[in-house]
């Protein structure tokens, strides 16, 4: 069985930075396309951004210029670097990834990690 394991959330002051990581628990399940999502209390889950297997990225307008998605294929890990954080970025952040194994792609969600930005 394989899981997506997230880490790096926490409490930070406005203007600060955090980096989230998303790794597959088994190295033989290779991370393909990755999406980072967030869900604030009382709101729907929203897509923050994506990165393809080739490294192309897209972001929602509200985080452009502040957040950066990257990947380290050798570590089979994706990252969400969040700078200039604002209180409205407070949410549970989830990674979602297609994992490639034995010729097949399957979609997985991470467990979520809390990001809290204080004003």
C-alpha atoms as a PDB file:
ATOM      1  CA  UNK A   1       0.000   0.000   0.000  1.00  0.00           C
ATOM      2  CA  UNK A   2       1.248   3.480  -0.785  1.00  0.00           C
ATOM      3  CA  UNK A   3       0.455   6.833   0.763  1.00  0.00           C
ATOM      4  CA  UNK A   4       1.193  10.436   0.024  1.00  0.00           C
ATOM      5  CA  UNK A   5       2.846  11.890   3.098  1.00  0.00           C
ATOM      6  CA  UNK A   6       2.708  15.626   3.673  1.00  0.00           C
ATOM      7  CA  UNK A   7       4.818  17.636   6.057  1.00  0.00           C
ATOM      8  CA  UNK A   8       5.844  21.198   6.794  1.00  0.00           C
ATOM      9  CA  UNK A   9       2.696  22.921   8.002  1.00  0.00           C
ATOM     10  CA  UNK A  10       2.562  25.078  11.078  1.00  0.00           C
ATOM     11  CA  UNK A  11       1.910  28.484  12.544  1.00  0.00           C
ATOM     12  CA  UNK A  12       3.594  31.527  11.019  1.00  0.00           C
ATOM     13  CA  UNK A  13       3.170  35.278  11.219  1.00  0.00           C
ATOM     14  CA  UNK A  14       1.901  37.256   8.276  1.00  0.00           C
ATOM     15  CA  UNK A  15       4.737  37.899   5.848  1.00  0.00           C
ATOM     16  CA  UNK A  16       6.498  34.704   6.804  1.00  0.00           C
ATOM     17  CA  UNK A  17       7.264  31.570   4.835  1.00  0.00           C
ATOM     18  CA  UNK A  18       6.626  27.857   4.991  1.00  0.00           C
ATOM     19  CA  UNK A  19       7.546  24.963   2.748  1.00  0.00           C
ATOM     20  CA  UNK A  20       5.287  21.958   2.426  1.00  0.00           C
ATOM     21  CA  UNK A  21       6.494  18.600   1.172  1.00  0.00           C
ATOM     22  CA  UNK A  22       4.595  15.761  -0.443  1.00  0.00           C
ATOM     23  CA  UNK A  23       6.296  12.396  -0.792  1.00  0.00           C
ATOM     24  CA  UNK A  24       5.176   8.938  -1.836  1.00  0.00           C
ATOM     25  CA  UNK A  25       5.707   6.382   0.915  1.00  0.00           C
ATOM     26  CA  UNK A  26       7.098   3.867  -1.600  1.00  0.00           C
ATOM     27  CA  UNK A  27       9.862   4.817  -3.995  1.00  0.00           C
ATOM     28  CA  UNK A  28       8.590   2.433  -6.686  1.00  0.00           C
ATOM     29  CA  UNK A  29       5.420   4.533  -6.973  1.00  0.00           C
ATOM     30  CA  UNK A  30       6.655   7.494  -8.958  1.00  0.00           C
ATOM     31  CA  UNK A  31       5.046  10.873  -8.530  1.00  0.00           C
ATOM     32  CA  UNK A  32       3.692  12.208 -11.818  1.00  0.00           C
ATOM     33  CA  UNK A  33       1.442  15.279 -11.940  1.00  0.00           C
ATOM     34  CA  UNK A  34       0.921  16.957  -8.557  1.00  0.00           C
ATOM     35  CA  UNK A  35      -1.739  19.386  -7.441  1.00  0.00           C
ATOM     36  CA  UNK A  36      -1.729  21.370  -4.226  1.00  0.00           C
ATOM     37  CA  UNK A  37      -5.134  22.209  -2.770  1.00  0.00           C
ATOM     38  CA  UNK A  38      -6.321  24.039   0.318  1.00  0.00           C
ATOM     39  CA  UNK A  39      -9.504  24.158   2.312  1.00  0.00           C
ATOM     40  CA  UNK A  40     -10.284  26.952   4.734  1.00  0.00           C
ATOM     41  CA  UNK A  41     -12.958  26.550   7.432  1.00  0.00           C
ATOM     42  CA  UNK A  42     -16.419  26.814   5.921  1.00  0.00           C
ATOM     43  CA  UNK A  43     -15.094  26.963   2.375  1.00  0.00           C
ATOM     44  CA  UNK A  44     -14.757  24.559  -0.480  1.00  0.00           C
ATOM     45  CA  UNK A  45     -11.447  22.976  -1.297  1.00  0.00           C
ATOM     46  CA  UNK A  46      -9.660  24.994  -3.949  1.00  0.00           C
ATOM     47  CA  UNK A  47      -6.784  24.246  -6.264  1.00  0.00           C
ATOM     48  CA  UNK A  48      -3.698  26.288  -5.433  1.00  0.00           C
ATOM     49  CA  UNK A  49      -1.468  25.084  -8.242  1.00  0.00           C
ATOM     50  CA  UNK A  50      -0.095  22.180 -10.190  1.00  0.00           C
ATOM     51  CA  UNK A  51       3.181  20.834 -11.499  1.00  0.00           C
ATOM     52  CA  UNK A  52       3.518  18.349 -14.314  1.00  0.00           C
ATOM     53  CA  UNK A  53       6.045  15.559 -14.584  1.00  0.00           C
ATOM     54  CA  UNK A  54       8.086  17.859 -16.811  1.00  0.00           C
ATOM     55  CA  UNK A  55       8.066  20.679 -14.292  1.00  0.00           C
ATOM     56  CA  UNK A  56       5.477  23.017 -15.833  1.00  0.00           C
ATOM     57  CA  UNK A  57       3.513  24.899 -13.216  1.00  0.00           C
ATOM     58  CA  UNK A  58       0.249  26.771 -12.932  1.00  0.00           C
ATOM     59  CA  UNK A  59      -1.147  28.776 -10.027  1.00  0.00           C
ATOM     60  CA  UNK A  60      -4.383  30.324  -8.895  1.00  0.00           C
ATOM     61  CA  UNK A  61      -4.230  34.115  -9.200  1.00  0.00           C
ATOM     62  CA  UNK A  62      -4.346  34.700  -5.445  1.00  0.00           C
ATOM     63  CA  UNK A  63      -0.951  33.019  -4.889  1.00  0.00           C
ATOM     64  CA  UNK A  64       0.913  33.993  -8.044  1.00  0.00           C
ATOM     65  CA  UNK A  65       4.230  35.590  -7.208  1.00  0.00           C
ATOM     66  CA  UNK A  66       4.116  34.289  -3.616  1.00  0.00           C
ATOM     67  CA  UNK A  67       3.892  30.502  -3.914  1.00  0.00           C
ATOM     68  CA  UNK A  68       6.172  28.212  -5.892  1.00  0.00           C
ATOM     69  CA  UNK A  69       5.628  24.542  -6.659  1.00  0.00           C
ATOM     70  CA  UNK A  70       8.680  22.438  -7.412  1.00  0.00           C
ATOM     71  CA  UNK A  71       9.704  18.820  -7.466  1.00  0.00           C
ATOM     72  CA  UNK A  72      12.742  16.667  -6.848  1.00  0.00           C
ATOM     73  CA  UNK A  73      12.352  13.560  -8.945  1.00  0.00           C
ATOM     74  CA  UNK A  74      15.341  11.881  -7.309  1.00  0.00           C
ATOM     75  CA  UNK A  75      13.570  12.186  -3.957  1.00  0.00           C
ATOM     76  CA  UNK A  76      10.156  11.449  -5.457  1.00  0.00           C
ATOM     77  CA  UNK A  77       8.891  14.539  -3.657  1.00  0.00           C
ATOM     78  CA  UNK A  78       6.985  17.696  -4.541  1.00  0.00           C
ATOM     79  CA  UNK A  79       7.118  20.970  -2.658  1.00  0.00           C
ATOM     80  CA  UNK A  80       4.991  24.030  -2.095  1.00  0.00           C
ATOM     81  CA  UNK A  81       7.078  27.031  -1.082  1.00  0.00           C
ATOM     82  CA  UNK A  82       4.858  29.719   0.397  1.00  0.00           C
ATOM     83  CA  UNK A  83       6.257  33.212   0.879  1.00  0.00           C
ATOM     84  CA  UNK A  84       4.674  36.479   1.968  1.00  0.00           C
ATOM     85  CA  UNK A  85       1.952  34.540   3.709  1.00  0.00           C
ATOM     86  CA  UNK A  86      -1.310  36.272   4.533  1.00  0.00           C
ATOM     87  CA  UNK A  87      -3.980  35.417   7.116  1.00  0.00           C
ATOM     88  CA  UNK A  88      -6.287  34.457   4.256  1.00  0.00           C
ATOM     89  CA  UNK A  89      -3.845  31.676   3.334  1.00  0.00           C
ATOM     90  CA  UNK A  90      -4.853  29.882   6.540  1.00  0.00           C
ATOM     91  CA  UNK A  91      -6.213  26.471   5.559  1.00  0.00           C
ATOM     92  CA  UNK A  92      -5.554  22.778   5.527  1.00  0.00           C
ATOM     93  CA  UNK A  93      -3.295  22.091   2.562  1.00  0.00           C
ATOM     94  CA  UNK A  94      -3.510  18.857   0.638  1.00  0.00           C
ATOM     95  CA  UNK A  95      -1.387  17.375  -2.082  1.00  0.00           C
ATOM     96  CA  UNK A  96      -2.936  15.274  -4.792  1.00  0.00           C
ATOM     97  CA  UNK A  97      -0.799  13.231  -7.120  1.00  0.00           C
ATOM     98  CA  UNK A  98      -0.930  10.723  -9.890  1.00  0.00           C
ATOM     99  CA  UNK A  99       1.418   7.904  -8.966  1.00  0.00           C
ATOM    100  CA  UNK A 100       2.885   5.718 -11.683  1.00  0.00           C
ATOM    101  CA  UNK A 101       3.415   2.062 -10.894  1.00  0.00           C
ATOM    102  CA  UNK A 102       3.764  -0.944 -13.138  1.00  0.00           C
ATOM    103  CA  UNK A 103       2.398   0.846 -16.189  1.00  0.00           C
ATOM    104  CA  UNK A 104      -0.596   2.379 -14.424  1.00  0.00           C
ATOM    105  CA  UNK A 105      -1.449   5.788 -13.020  1.00  0.00           C
ATOM    106  CA  UNK A 106      -3.568   6.082  -9.912  1.00  0.00           C
ATOM    107  CA  UNK A 107      -4.642   9.195  -8.066  1.00  0.00           C
ATOM    108  CA  UNK A 108      -3.923   9.713  -4.376  1.00  0.00           C
ATOM    109  CA  UNK A 109      -4.541  12.377  -1.754  1.00  0.00           C
ATOM    110  CA  UNK A 110      -2.284  13.314   1.113  1.00  0.00           C
ATOM    111  CA  UNK A 111      -3.593  13.513   4.662  1.00  0.00           C
ATOM    112  CA  UNK A 112      -3.496  17.290   4.778  1.00  0.00           C
ATOM    113  CA  UNK A 113      -1.396  19.650   6.844  1.00  0.00           C
ATOM    114  CA  UNK A 114      -2.586  22.720   8.715  1.00  0.00           C
ATOM    115  CA  UNK A 115      -1.176  26.124   7.816  1.00  0.00           C
ATOM    116  CA  UNK A 116      -2.128  28.981  10.115  1.00  0.00           C
ATOM    117  CA  UNK A 117      -1.063  32.546   9.398  1.00  0.00           C
ATOM    118  CA  UNK A 118      -1.486  35.023  12.221  1.00  0.00           C
ATOM    119  CA  UNK A 119      -1.933  38.736  11.652  1.00  0.00           C
END
